[in-house]
Amino acid sequence: MATKKDNRTLDELLAAQAELEAAIEERRAAEAGEALTQIAELVQKFGFTSEDIFPTRRTRRPSDPSKAKTYRNPKTGEEYHGRGKPPASFAEVGKDVWHTWLVE
């Protein structure tokens, strides 16, 4: 397929580009207005609320601290709630030992 050679100058091409961009923007605005009108009609027809159309994201509930397990070192009285790095006194005795220190 042979390409057609365009003999227009750069200024002419830039002017044509500006005209096309203006026409595109004009068409986009017209179609956006029509779309918005259709949306408004559908919202009214079906009684949608903004929450129906744009539901809020559900957030995670914070964990219940009353359900957290608590371990207490009987020698030092130091407590560990099972999250994060255990205190040094817990790490020294090992997990199999401090798991027996559960506070109820």
PDB file of N, CA and C in Angstrom:
ATOM      1  N   MET A   1       0.845  -1.167   0.000  1.00  0.00           N
ATOM      2  CA  MET A   1       0.000   0.000   0.000  1.00  0.00           C
ATOM      3  C   MET A   1       0.891   1.231   0.000  1.00  0.00           C
ATOM      4  N   ALA A   2       0.702   2.050  -0.958  1.00  0.00           N
ATOM      5  CA  ALA A   2       1.514   3.257  -1.090  1.00  0.00           C
ATOM      6  C   ALA A   2       0.977   4.338  -0.164  1.00  0.00           C
ATOM      7  N   THR A   3       1.892   5.100   0.428  1.00  0.00           N
ATOM      8  CA  THR A   3       1.476   6.201   1.289  1.00  0.00           C
ATOM      9  C   THR A   3       1.387   7.467   0.466  1.00  0.00           C
ATOM     10  N   LYS A   4       0.441   8.287   0.806  1.00  0.00           N
ATOM     11  CA  LYS A   4       0.228   9.543   0.102  1.00  0.00           C
ATOM     12  C   LYS A   4       1.144  10.592   0.709  1.00  0.00           C
ATOM     13  N   LYS A   5       1.860  11.316  -0.116  1.00  0.00           N
ATOM     14  CA  LYS A   5       2.762  12.339   0.390  1.00  0.00           C
ATOM     15  C   LYS A   5       1.978  13.625   0.608  1.00  0.00           C
ATOM     16  N   ASP A   6       2.147  14.208   1.784  1.00  0.00           N
ATOM     17  CA  ASP A   6       1.456  15.450   2.132  1.00  0.00           C
ATOM     18  C   ASP A   6       2.440  16.594   1.952  1.00  0.00           C
ATOM     19  N   ASN A   7       2.093  17.545   1.117  1.00  0.00           N
ATOM     20  CA  ASN A   7       2.997  18.655   0.816  1.00  0.00           C
ATOM     21  C   ASN A   7       2.704  19.894   1.646  1.00  0.00           C
ATOM     22  N   ARG A   8       1.899  19.766   2.697  1.00  0.00           N
ATOM     23  CA  ARG A   8       1.588  20.937   3.519  1.00  0.00           C
ATOM     24  C   ARG A   8       2.789  21.286   4.392  1.00  0.00           C
ATOM     25  N   THR A   9       2.891  22.555   4.742  1.00  0.00           N
ATOM     26  CA  THR A   9       3.989  23.007   5.605  1.00  0.00           C
ATOM     27  C   THR A   9       3.679  22.634   7.054  1.00  0.00           C
ATOM     28  N   LEU A  10       4.684  22.775   7.890  1.00  0.00           N
ATOM     29  CA  LEU A  10       4.516  22.478   9.305  1.00  0.00           C
ATOM     30  C   LEU A  10       3.440  23.367   9.915  1.00  0.00           C
ATOM     31  N   ASP A  11       3.447  24.645   9.581  1.00  0.00           N
ATOM     32  CA  ASP A  11       2.437  25.564  10.118  1.00  0.00           C
ATOM     33  C   ASP A  11       1.029  25.145   9.703  1.00  0.00           C
ATOM     34  N   GLU A  12       0.884  24.692   8.459  1.00  0.00           N
ATOM     35  CA  GLU A  12      -0.429  24.237   7.996  1.00  0.00           C
ATOM     36  C   GLU A  12      -0.871  22.981   8.740  1.00  0.00           C
ATOM     37  N   LEU A  13       0.061  22.068   8.959  1.00  0.00           N
ATOM     38  CA  LEU A  13      -0.261  20.839   9.695  1.00  0.00           C
ATOM     39  C   LEU A  13      -0.629  21.142  11.144  1.00  0.00           C
ATOM     40  N   LEU A  14       0.106  22.064  11.770  1.00  0.00           N
ATOM     41  CA  LEU A  14      -0.205  22.438  13.154  1.00  0.00           C
ATOM     42  C   LEU A  14      -1.568  23.115  13.244  1.00  0.00           C
ATOM     43  N   ALA A  15      -1.916  23.921  12.257  1.00  0.00           N
ATOM     44  CA  ALA A  15      -3.228  24.566  12.240  1.00  0.00           C
ATOM     45  C   ALA A  15      -4.326  23.519  12.086  1.00  0.00           C
ATOM     46  N   ALA A  16      -4.092  22.526  11.222  1.00  0.00           N
ATOM     47  CA  ALA A  16      -5.068  21.446  11.036  1.00  0.00           C
ATOM     48  C   ALA A  16      -5.219  20.642  12.325  1.00  0.00           C
ATOM     49  N   GLN A  17      -4.098  20.414  13.019  1.00  0.00           N
ATOM     50  CA  GLN A  17      -4.135  19.686  14.287  1.00  0.00           C
ATOM     51  C   GLN A  17      -4.958  20.459  15.312  1.00  0.00           C
ATOM     52  N   ALA A  18      -4.764  21.765  15.397  1.00  0.00           N
ATOM     53  CA  ALA A  18      -5.507  22.593  16.348  1.00  0.00           C
ATOM     54  C   ALA A  18      -6.999  22.554  16.044  1.00  0.00           C
ATOM     55  N   GLU A  19      -7.353  22.587  14.752  1.00  0.00           N
ATOM     56  CA  GLU A  19      -8.766  22.508  14.367  1.00  0.00           C
ATOM     57  C   GLU A  19      -9.367  21.171  14.781  1.00  0.00           C
ATOM     58  N   LEU A  20      -8.622  20.090  14.542  1.00  0.00           N
ATOM     59  CA  LEU A  20      -9.107  18.759  14.927  1.00  0.00           C
ATOM     60  C   LEU A  20      -9.277  18.644  16.440  1.00  0.00           C
ATOM     61  N   GLU A  21      -8.304  19.138  17.197  1.00  0.00           N
ATOM     62  CA  GLU A  21      -8.392  19.070  18.656  1.00  0.00           C
ATOM     63  C   GLU A  21      -9.589  19.864  19.165  1.00  0.00           C
ATOM     64  N   ALA A  22      -9.864  21.014  18.550  1.00  0.00           N
ATOM     65  CA  ALA A  22     -11.026  21.811  18.947  1.00  0.00           C
ATOM     66  C   ALA A  22     -12.315  21.068  18.627  1.00  0.00           C
ATOM     67  N   ALA A  23     -12.368  20.428  17.456  1.00  0.00           N
ATOM     68  CA  ALA A  23     -13.560  19.663  17.070  1.00  0.00           C
ATOM     69  C   ALA A  23     -13.763  18.470  17.997  1.00  0.00           C
ATOM     70  N   ILE A  24     -12.672  17.809  18.363  1.00  0.00           N
ATOM     71  CA  ILE A  24     -12.750  16.664  19.282  1.00  0.00           C
ATOM     72  C   ILE A  24     -13.277  17.116  20.637  1.00  0.00           C
ATOM     73  N   GLU A  25     -12.759  18.213  21.153  1.00  0.00           N
ATOM     74  CA  GLU A  25     -13.191  18.711  22.461  1.00  0.00           C
ATOM     75  C   GLU A  25     -14.663  19.121  22.428  1.00  0.00           C
ATOM     76  N   GLU A  26     -15.076  19.744  21.332  1.00  0.00           N
ATOM     77  CA  GLU A  26     -16.478  20.152  21.197  1.00  0.00           C
ATOM     78  C   GLU A  26     -17.392  18.925  21.184  1.00  0.00           C
ATOM     79  N   ARG A  27     -17.002  17.904  20.444  1.00  0.00           N
ATOM     80  CA  ARG A  27     -17.801  16.674  20.376  1.00  0.00           C
ATOM     81  C   ARG A  27     -17.830  15.971  21.726  1.00  0.00           C
ATOM     82  N   ARG A  28     -16.678  15.927  22.411  1.00  0.00           N
ATOM     83  CA  ARG A  28     -16.599  15.281  23.725  1.00  0.00           C
ATOM     84  C   ARG A  28     -17.536  15.971  24.711  1.00  0.00           C
ATOM     85  N   ALA A  29     -17.547  17.299  24.708  1.00  0.00           N
ATOM     86  CA  ALA A  29     -18.413  18.048  25.618  1.00  0.00           C
ATOM     87  C   ALA A  29     -19.885  17.777  25.311  1.00  0.00           C
ATOM     88  N   ALA A  30     -20.237  17.724  24.032  1.00  0.00           N
ATOM     89  CA  ALA A  30     -21.627  17.468  23.648  1.00  0.00           C
ATOM     90  C   ALA A  30     -22.059  16.067  24.079  1.00  0.00           C
ATOM     91  N   GLU A  31     -21.219  15.071  23.823  1.00  0.00           N
ATOM     92  CA  GLU A  31     -21.568  13.701  24.190  1.00  0.00           C
ATOM     93  C   GLU A  31     -21.578  13.514  25.699  1.00  0.00           C
ATOM     94  N   ALA A  32     -20.698  14.211  26.412  1.00  0.00           N
ATOM     95  CA  ALA A  32     -20.691  14.121  27.876  1.00  0.00           C
ATOM     96  C   ALA A  32     -21.985  14.696  28.436  1.00  0.00           C
ATOM     97  N   GLY A  33     -22.454  15.788  27.850  1.00  0.00           N
ATOM     98  CA  GLY A  33     -23.720  16.372  28.296  1.00  0.00           C
ATOM     99  C   GLY A  33     -24.883  15.426  28.077  1.00  0.00           C
ATOM    100  N   GLU A  34     -24.905  14.755  26.919  1.00  0.00           N
ATOM    101  CA  GLU A  34     -25.951  13.776  26.634  1.00  0.00           C
ATOM    102  C   GLU A  34     -25.884  12.609  27.616  1.00  0.00           C
ATOM    103  N   ALA A  35     -24.683  12.133  27.887  1.00  0.00           N
ATOM    104  CA  ALA A  35     -24.513  11.014  28.816  1.00  0.00           C
ATOM    105  C   ALA A  35     -24.989  11.401  30.211  1.00  0.00           C
ATOM    106  N   LEU A  36     -24.659  12.608  30.636  1.00  0.00           N
ATOM    107  CA  LEU A  36     -25.075  13.064  31.961  1.00  0.00           C
ATOM    108  C   LEU A  36     -26.594  13.163  32.049  1.00  0.00           C
ATOM    109  N   THR A  37     -27.220  13.609  30.983  1.00  0.00           N
ATOM    110  CA  THR A  37     -28.682  13.679  30.955  1.00  0.00           C
ATOM    111  C   THR A  37     -29.281  12.280  31.079  1.00  0.00           C
ATOM    112  N   GLN A  38     -28.723  11.312  30.357  1.00  0.00           N
ATOM    113  CA  GLN A  38     -29.208   9.932  30.439  1.00  0.00           C
ATOM    114  C   GLN A  38     -29.031   9.373  31.846  1.00  0.00           C
ATOM    115  N   ILE A  39     -27.894   9.654  32.448  1.00  0.00           N
ATOM    116  CA  ILE A  39     -27.629   9.166  33.803  1.00  0.00           C
ATOM    117  C   ILE A  39     -28.636   9.762  34.776  1.00  0.00           C
ATOM    118  N   ALA A  40     -28.874  11.061  34.674  1.00  0.00           N
ATOM    119  CA  ALA A  40     -29.824  11.722  35.569  1.00  0.00           C
ATOM    120  C   ALA A  40     -31.222  11.130  35.409  1.00  0.00           C
ATOM    121  N   GLU A  41     -31.618  10.838  34.172  1.00  0.00           N
ATOM    122  CA  GLU A  41     -32.931  10.233  33.936  1.00  0.00           C
ATOM    123  C   GLU A  41     -33.020   8.852  34.569  1.00  0.00           C
ATOM    124  N   LEU A  42     -31.971   8.042  34.426  1.00  0.00           N
ATOM    125  CA  LEU A  42     -31.974   6.699  35.011  1.00  0.00           C
ATOM    126  C   LEU A  42     -31.981   6.746  36.536  1.00  0.00           C
ATOM    127  N   VAL A  43     -31.220   7.675  37.103  1.00  0.00           N
ATOM    128  CA  VAL A  43     -31.193   7.819  38.564  1.00  0.00           C
ATOM    129  C   VAL A  43     -32.586   8.170  39.068  1.00  0.00           C
ATOM    130  N   GLN A  44     -33.237   9.088  38.394  1.00  0.00           N
ATOM    131  CA  GLN A  44     -34.578   9.498  38.812  1.00  0.00           C
ATOM    132  C   GLN A  44     -35.576   8.364  38.591  1.00  0.00           C
ATOM    133  N   LYS A  45     -35.484   7.672  37.464  1.00  0.00           N
ATOM    134  CA  LYS A  45     -36.424   6.601  37.131  1.00  0.00           C
ATOM    135  C   LYS A  45     -36.372   5.468  38.150  1.00  0.00           C
ATOM    136  N   PHE A  46     -35.164   5.072  38.548  1.00  0.00           N
ATOM    137  CA  PHE A  46     -35.016   3.938  39.447  1.00  0.00           C
ATOM    138  C   PHE A  46     -34.815   4.336  40.904  1.00  0.00           C
ATOM    139  N   GLY A  47     -34.718   5.612  41.180  1.00  0.00           N
ATOM    140  CA  GLY A  47     -34.590   6.081  42.556  1.00  0.00           C
ATOM    141  C   GLY A  47     -33.259   5.747  43.208  1.00  0.00           C
ATOM    142  N   PHE A  48     -32.192   5.723  42.419  1.00  0.00           N
ATOM    143  CA  PHE A  48     -30.877   5.435  42.985  1.00  0.00           C
ATOM    144  C   PHE A  48     -30.436   6.565  43.905  1.00  0.00           C
ATOM    145  N   THR A  49     -29.664   6.200  44.921  1.00  0.00           N
ATOM    146  CA  THR A  49     -29.039   7.197  45.785  1.00  0.00           C
ATOM    147  C   THR A  49     -27.551   7.252  45.440  1.00  0.00           C
ATOM    148  N   SER A  50     -26.885   8.249  45.964  1.00  0.00           N
ATOM    149  CA  SER A  50     -25.444   8.345  45.712  1.00  0.00           C
ATOM    150  C   SER A  50     -24.718   7.144  46.312  1.00  0.00           C
ATOM    151  N   GLU A  51     -25.249   6.598  47.398  1.00  0.00           N
ATOM    152  CA  GLU A  51     -24.640   5.416  48.018  1.00  0.00           C
ATOM    153  C   GLU A  51     -24.789   4.191  47.110  1.00  0.00           C
ATOM    154  N   ASP A  52     -25.912   4.100  46.378  1.00  0.00           N
ATOM    155  CA  ASP A  52     -26.094   3.002  45.425  1.00  0.00           C
ATOM    156  C   ASP A  52     -25.065   3.083  44.305  1.00  0.00           C
ATOM    157  N   ILE A  53     -24.806   4.278  43.845  1.00  0.00           N
ATOM    158  CA  ILE A  53     -23.915   4.466  42.701  1.00  0.00           C
ATOM    159  C   ILE A  53     -22.451   4.438  43.119  1.00  0.00           C
ATOM    160  N   PHE A  54     -22.152   5.083  44.235  1.00  0.00           N
ATOM    161  CA  PHE A  54     -20.775   5.148  44.732  1.00  0.00           C
ATOM    162  C   PHE A  54     -20.726   4.609  46.158  1.00  0.00           C
ATOM    163  N   PRO A  55     -20.759   3.278  46.334  1.00  0.00           N
ATOM    164  CA  PRO A  55     -20.742   2.736  47.693  1.00  0.00           C
ATOM    165  C   PRO A  55     -19.411   3.019  48.384  1.00  0.00           C
ATOM    166  N   THR A  56     -19.488   3.263  49.679  1.00  0.00           N
ATOM    167  CA  THR A  56     -18.263   3.501  50.436  1.00  0.00           C
ATOM    168  C   THR A  56     -17.564   2.172  50.652  1.00  0.00           C
ATOM    169  N   ARG A  57     -16.258   2.231  50.676  1.00  0.00           N
ATOM    170  CA  ARG A  57     -15.487   1.017  50.922  1.00  0.00           C
ATOM    171  C   ARG A  57     -15.641   0.615  52.371  1.00  0.00           C
ATOM    172  N   ARG A  58     -15.769  -0.678  52.568  1.00  0.00           N
ATOM    173  CA  ARG A  58     -15.843  -1.156  53.941  1.00  0.00           C
ATOM    174  C   ARG A  58     -14.441  -1.159  54.530  1.00  0.00           C
ATOM    175  N   THR A  59     -14.350  -0.681  55.736  1.00  0.00           N
ATOM    176  CA  THR A  59     -13.054  -0.657  56.399  1.00  0.00           C
ATOM    177  C   THR A  59     -12.951  -1.856  57.325  1.00  0.00           C
ATOM    178  N   ARG A  60     -11.739  -2.267  57.563  1.00  0.00           N
ATOM    179  CA  ARG A  60     -11.533  -3.375  58.493  1.00  0.00           C
ATOM    180  C   ARG A  60     -11.798  -2.910  59.901  1.00  0.00           C
ATOM    181  N   ARG A  61     -12.501  -3.743  60.627  1.00  0.00           N
ATOM    182  CA  ARG A  61     -12.715  -3.427  62.032  1.00  0.00           C
ATOM    183  C   ARG A  61     -11.415  -3.690  62.787  1.00  0.00           C
ATOM    184  N   PRO A  62     -11.109  -2.859  63.756  1.00  0.00           N
ATOM    185  CA  PRO A  62      -9.923  -3.145  64.559  1.00  0.00           C
ATOM    186  C   PRO A  62     -10.147  -4.428  65.357  1.00  0.00           C
ATOM    187  N   SER A  63      -9.083  -5.167  65.544  1.00  0.00           N
ATOM    188  CA  SER A  63      -9.221  -6.412  66.284  1.00  0.00           C
ATOM    189  C   SER A  63      -9.626  -6.122  67.722  1.00  0.00           C
ATOM    190  N   ASP A  64     -10.379  -7.027  68.273  1.00  0.00           N
ATOM    191  CA  ASP A  64     -10.883  -6.867  69.633  1.00  0.00           C
ATOM    192  C   ASP A  64      -9.761  -7.200  70.613  1.00  0.00           C
ATOM    193  N   PRO A  65      -9.282  -6.207  71.373  1.00  0.00           N
ATOM    194  CA  PRO A  65      -8.173  -6.480  72.292  1.00  0.00           C
ATOM    195  C   PRO A  65      -8.546  -7.467  73.393  1.00  0.00           C
ATOM    196  N   SER A  66      -9.840  -7.610  73.676  1.00  0.00           N
ATOM    197  CA  SER A  66     -10.233  -8.544  74.729  1.00  0.00           C
ATOM    198  C   SER A  66     -10.030  -9.989  74.286  1.00  0.00           C
ATOM    199  N   LYS A  67      -9.930 -10.234  72.978  1.00  0.00           N
ATOM    200  CA  LYS A  67      -9.723 -11.581  72.466  1.00  0.00           C
ATOM    201  C   LYS A  67      -8.243 -11.926  72.331  1.00  0.00           C
ATOM    202  N   ALA A  68      -7.374 -10.968  72.543  1.00  0.00           N
ATOM    203  CA  ALA A  68      -5.946 -11.209  72.395  1.00  0.00           C
ATOM    204  C   ALA A  68      -5.454 -12.110  73.526  1.00  0.00           C
ATOM    205  N   LYS A  69      -4.600 -13.049  73.155  1.00  0.00           N
ATOM    206  CA  LYS A  69      -4.014 -13.916  74.175  1.00  0.00           C
ATOM    207  C   LYS A  69      -2.909 -13.148  74.875  1.00  0.00           C
ATOM    208  N   THR A  70      -2.818 -13.332  76.157  1.00  0.00           N
ATOM    209  CA  THR A  70      -1.777 -12.675  76.935  1.00  0.00           C
ATOM    210  C   THR A  70      -0.958 -13.745  77.647  1.00  0.00           C
ATOM    211  N   TYR A  71       0.338 -13.604  77.540  1.00  0.00           N
ATOM    212  CA  TYR A  71       1.264 -14.503  78.221  1.00  0.00           C
ATOM    213  C   TYR A  71       2.032 -13.680  79.240  1.00  0.00           C
ATOM    214  N   ARG A  72       2.218 -14.233  80.449  1.00  0.00           N
ATOM    215  CA  ARG A  72       2.934 -13.515  81.500  1.00  0.00           C
ATOM    216  C   ARG A  72       4.074 -14.386  82.016  1.00  0.00           C
ATOM    217  N   ASN A  73       5.270 -13.800  82.029  1.00  0.00           N
ATOM    218  CA  ASN A  73       6.440 -14.481  82.564  1.00  0.00           C
ATOM    219  C   ASN A  73       6.288 -14.511  84.080  1.00  0.00           C
ATOM    220  N   PRO A  74       6.218 -15.696  84.692  1.00  0.00           N
ATOM    221  CA  PRO A  74       6.004 -15.764  86.137  1.00  0.00           C
ATOM    222  C   PRO A  74       7.164 -15.201  86.959  1.00  0.00           C
ATOM    223  N   LYS A  75       8.372 -15.187  86.392  1.00  0.00           N
ATOM    224  CA  LYS A  75       9.516 -14.678  87.142  1.00  0.00           C
ATOM    225  C   LYS A  75       9.581 -13.157  87.112  1.00  0.00           C
ATOM    226  N   THR A  76       9.359 -12.562  85.948  1.00  0.00           N
ATOM    227  CA  THR A  76       9.523 -11.113  85.811  1.00  0.00           C
ATOM    228  C   THR A  76       8.203 -10.351  85.825  1.00  0.00           C
ATOM    229  N   GLY A  77       7.094 -11.041  85.576  1.00  0.00           N
ATOM    230  CA  GLY A  77       5.805 -10.368  85.491  1.00  0.00           C
ATOM    231  C   GLY A  77       5.590  -9.689  84.144  1.00  0.00           C
ATOM    232  N   GLU A  78       6.563  -9.811  83.261  1.00  0.00           N
ATOM    233  CA  GLU A  78       6.472  -9.179  81.951  1.00  0.00           C
ATOM    234  C   GLU A  78       5.400  -9.880  81.111  1.00  0.00           C
ATOM    235  N   GLU A  79       4.628  -9.086  80.352  1.00  0.00           N
ATOM    236  CA  GLU A  79       3.547  -9.639  79.539  1.00  0.00           C
ATOM    237  C   GLU A  79       3.859  -9.517  78.056  1.00  0.00           C
ATOM    238  N   TYR A  80       3.284 -10.461  77.295  1.00  0.00           N
ATOM    239  CA  TYR A  80       3.412 -10.458  75.836  1.00  0.00           C
ATOM    240  C   TYR A  80       2.056 -10.852  75.273  1.00  0.00           C
ATOM    241  N   HIS A  81       1.586 -10.101  74.282  1.00  0.00           N
ATOM    242  CA  HIS A  81       0.249 -10.320  73.736  1.00  0.00           C
ATOM    243  C   HIS A  81       0.253 -11.125  72.442  1.00  0.00           C
ATOM    244  N   GLY A  82       1.374 -11.695  72.087  1.00  0.00           N
ATOM    245  CA  GLY A  82       1.439 -12.585  70.940  1.00  0.00           C
ATOM    246  C   GLY A  82       1.615 -11.903  69.600  1.00  0.00           C
ATOM    247  N   ARG A  83       1.799 -10.594  69.593  1.00  0.00           N
ATOM    248  CA  ARG A  83       1.988  -9.880  68.329  1.00  0.00           C
ATOM    249  C   ARG A  83       3.364  -9.222  68.333  1.00  0.00           C
ATOM    250  N   GLY A  84       4.020  -9.326  67.194  1.00  0.00           N
ATOM    251  CA  GLY A  84       5.332  -8.707  67.092  1.00  0.00           C
ATOM    252  C   GLY A  84       6.411  -9.568  67.726  1.00  0.00           C
ATOM    253  N   LYS A  85       7.561  -8.974  67.889  1.00  0.00           N
ATOM    254  CA  LYS A  85       8.709  -9.681  68.446  1.00  0.00           C
ATOM    255  C   LYS A  85       8.506  -9.854  69.951  1.00  0.00           C
ATOM    256  N   PRO A  86       8.672 -11.081  70.452  1.00  0.00           N
ATOM    257  CA  PRO A  86       8.505 -11.281  71.894  1.00  0.00           C
ATOM    258  C   PRO A  86       9.638 -10.629  72.685  1.00  0.00           C
ATOM    259  N   PRO A  87       9.357 -10.244  73.921  1.00  0.00           N
ATOM    260  CA  PRO A  87      10.398  -9.664  74.766  1.00  0.00           C
ATOM    261  C   PRO A  87      11.561 -10.645  74.965  1.00  0.00           C
ATOM    262  N   ALA A  88      12.689 -10.118  75.352  1.00  0.00           N
ATOM    263  CA  ALA A  88      13.899 -10.933  75.512  1.00  0.00           C
ATOM    264  C   ALA A  88      13.687 -12.071  76.507  1.00  0.00           C
ATOM    265  N   SER A  89      12.968 -11.808  77.599  1.00  0.00           N
ATOM    266  CA  SER A  89      12.770 -12.862  78.600  1.00  0.00           C
ATOM    267  C   SER A  89      11.953 -14.018  78.025  1.00  0.00           C
ATOM    268  N   PHE A  90      11.088 -13.745  77.055  1.00  0.00           N
ATOM    269  CA  PHE A  90      10.311 -14.800  76.418  1.00  0.00           C
ATOM    270  C   PHE A  90      11.171 -15.547  75.404  1.00  0.00           C
ATOM    271  N   ALA A  91      11.970 -14.810  74.649  1.00  0.00           N
ATOM    272  CA  ALA A  91      12.812 -15.422  73.630  1.00  0.00           C
ATOM    273  C   ALA A  91      13.855 -16.344  74.256  1.00  0.00           C
ATOM    274  N   GLU A  92      14.317 -16.000  75.449  1.00  0.00           N
ATOM    275  CA  GLU A  92      15.351 -16.802  76.117  1.00  0.00           C
ATOM    276  C   GLU A  92      14.847 -18.197  76.461  1.00  0.00           C
ATOM    277  N   VAL A  93      13.603 -18.300  76.921  1.00  0.00           N
ATOM    278  CA  VAL A  93      13.093 -19.600  77.370  1.00  0.00           C
ATOM    279  C   VAL A  93      12.541 -20.439  76.224  1.00  0.00           C
ATOM    280  N   GLY A  94      12.195 -19.817  75.127  1.00  0.00           N
ATOM    281  CA  GLY A  94      11.678 -20.565  73.980  1.00  0.00           C
ATOM    282  C   GLY A  94      10.159 -20.596  73.954  1.00  0.00           C
ATOM    283  N   LYS A  95       9.648 -20.753  72.757  1.00  0.00           N
ATOM    284  CA  LYS A  95       8.207 -20.683  72.532  1.00  0.00           C
ATOM    285  C   LYS A  95       7.455 -21.813  73.234  1.00  0.00           C
ATOM    286  N   ASP A  96       8.033 -22.998  73.271  1.00  0.00           N
ATOM    287  CA  ASP A  96       7.330 -24.121  73.901  1.00  0.00           C
ATOM    288  C   ASP A  96       7.124 -23.896  75.395  1.00  0.00           C
ATOM    289  N   VAL A  97       8.004 -23.132  76.033  1.00  0.00           N
ATOM    290  CA  VAL A  97       7.857 -22.844  77.465  1.00  0.00           C
ATOM    291  C   VAL A  97       6.879 -21.701  77.685  1.00  0.00           C
ATOM    292  N   TRP A  98       7.063 -20.569  77.003  1.00  0.00           N
ATOM    293  CA  TRP A  98       6.212 -19.425  77.299  1.00  0.00           C
ATOM    294  C   TRP A  98       4.781 -19.609  76.827  1.00  0.00           C
ATOM    295  N   HIS A  99       4.524 -20.590  75.971  1.00  0.00           N
ATOM    296  CA  HIS A  99       3.132 -20.872  75.600  1.00  0.00           C
ATOM    297  C   HIS A  99       2.363 -21.481  76.772  1.00  0.00           C
ATOM    298  N   THR A 100       3.076 -21.946  77.775  1.00  0.00           N
ATOM    299  CA  THR A 100       2.397 -22.470  78.971  1.00  0.00           C
ATOM    300  C   THR A 100       2.061 -21.349  79.948  1.00  0.00           C
ATOM    301  N   TRP A 101       2.503 -20.127  79.669  1.00  0.00           N
ATOM    302  CA  TRP A 101       2.279 -18.988  80.562  1.00  0.00           C
ATOM    303  C   TRP A 101       1.024 -18.192  80.189  1.00  0.00           C
ATOM    304  N   LEU A 102       0.077 -18.809  79.524  1.00  0.00           N
ATOM    305  CA  LEU A 102      -1.133 -18.126  79.076  1.00  0.00           C
ATOM    306  C   LEU A 102      -1.937 -17.630  80.270  1.00  0.00           C
ATOM    307  N   VAL A 103      -2.328 -16.359  80.227  1.00  0.00           N
ATOM    308  CA  VAL A 103      -3.153 -15.760  81.270  1.00  0.00           C
ATOM    309  C   VAL A 103      -4.595 -15.822  80.782  1.00  0.00           C
ATOM    310  N   GLU A 104      -5.480 -16.326  81.604  1.00  0.00           N
ATOM    311  CA  GLU A 104      -6.887 -16.429  81.192  1.00  0.00           C
ATOM    312  C   GLU A 104      -7.727 -15.339  81.785  1.00  0.00           C
TER     313      GLU A 104
END
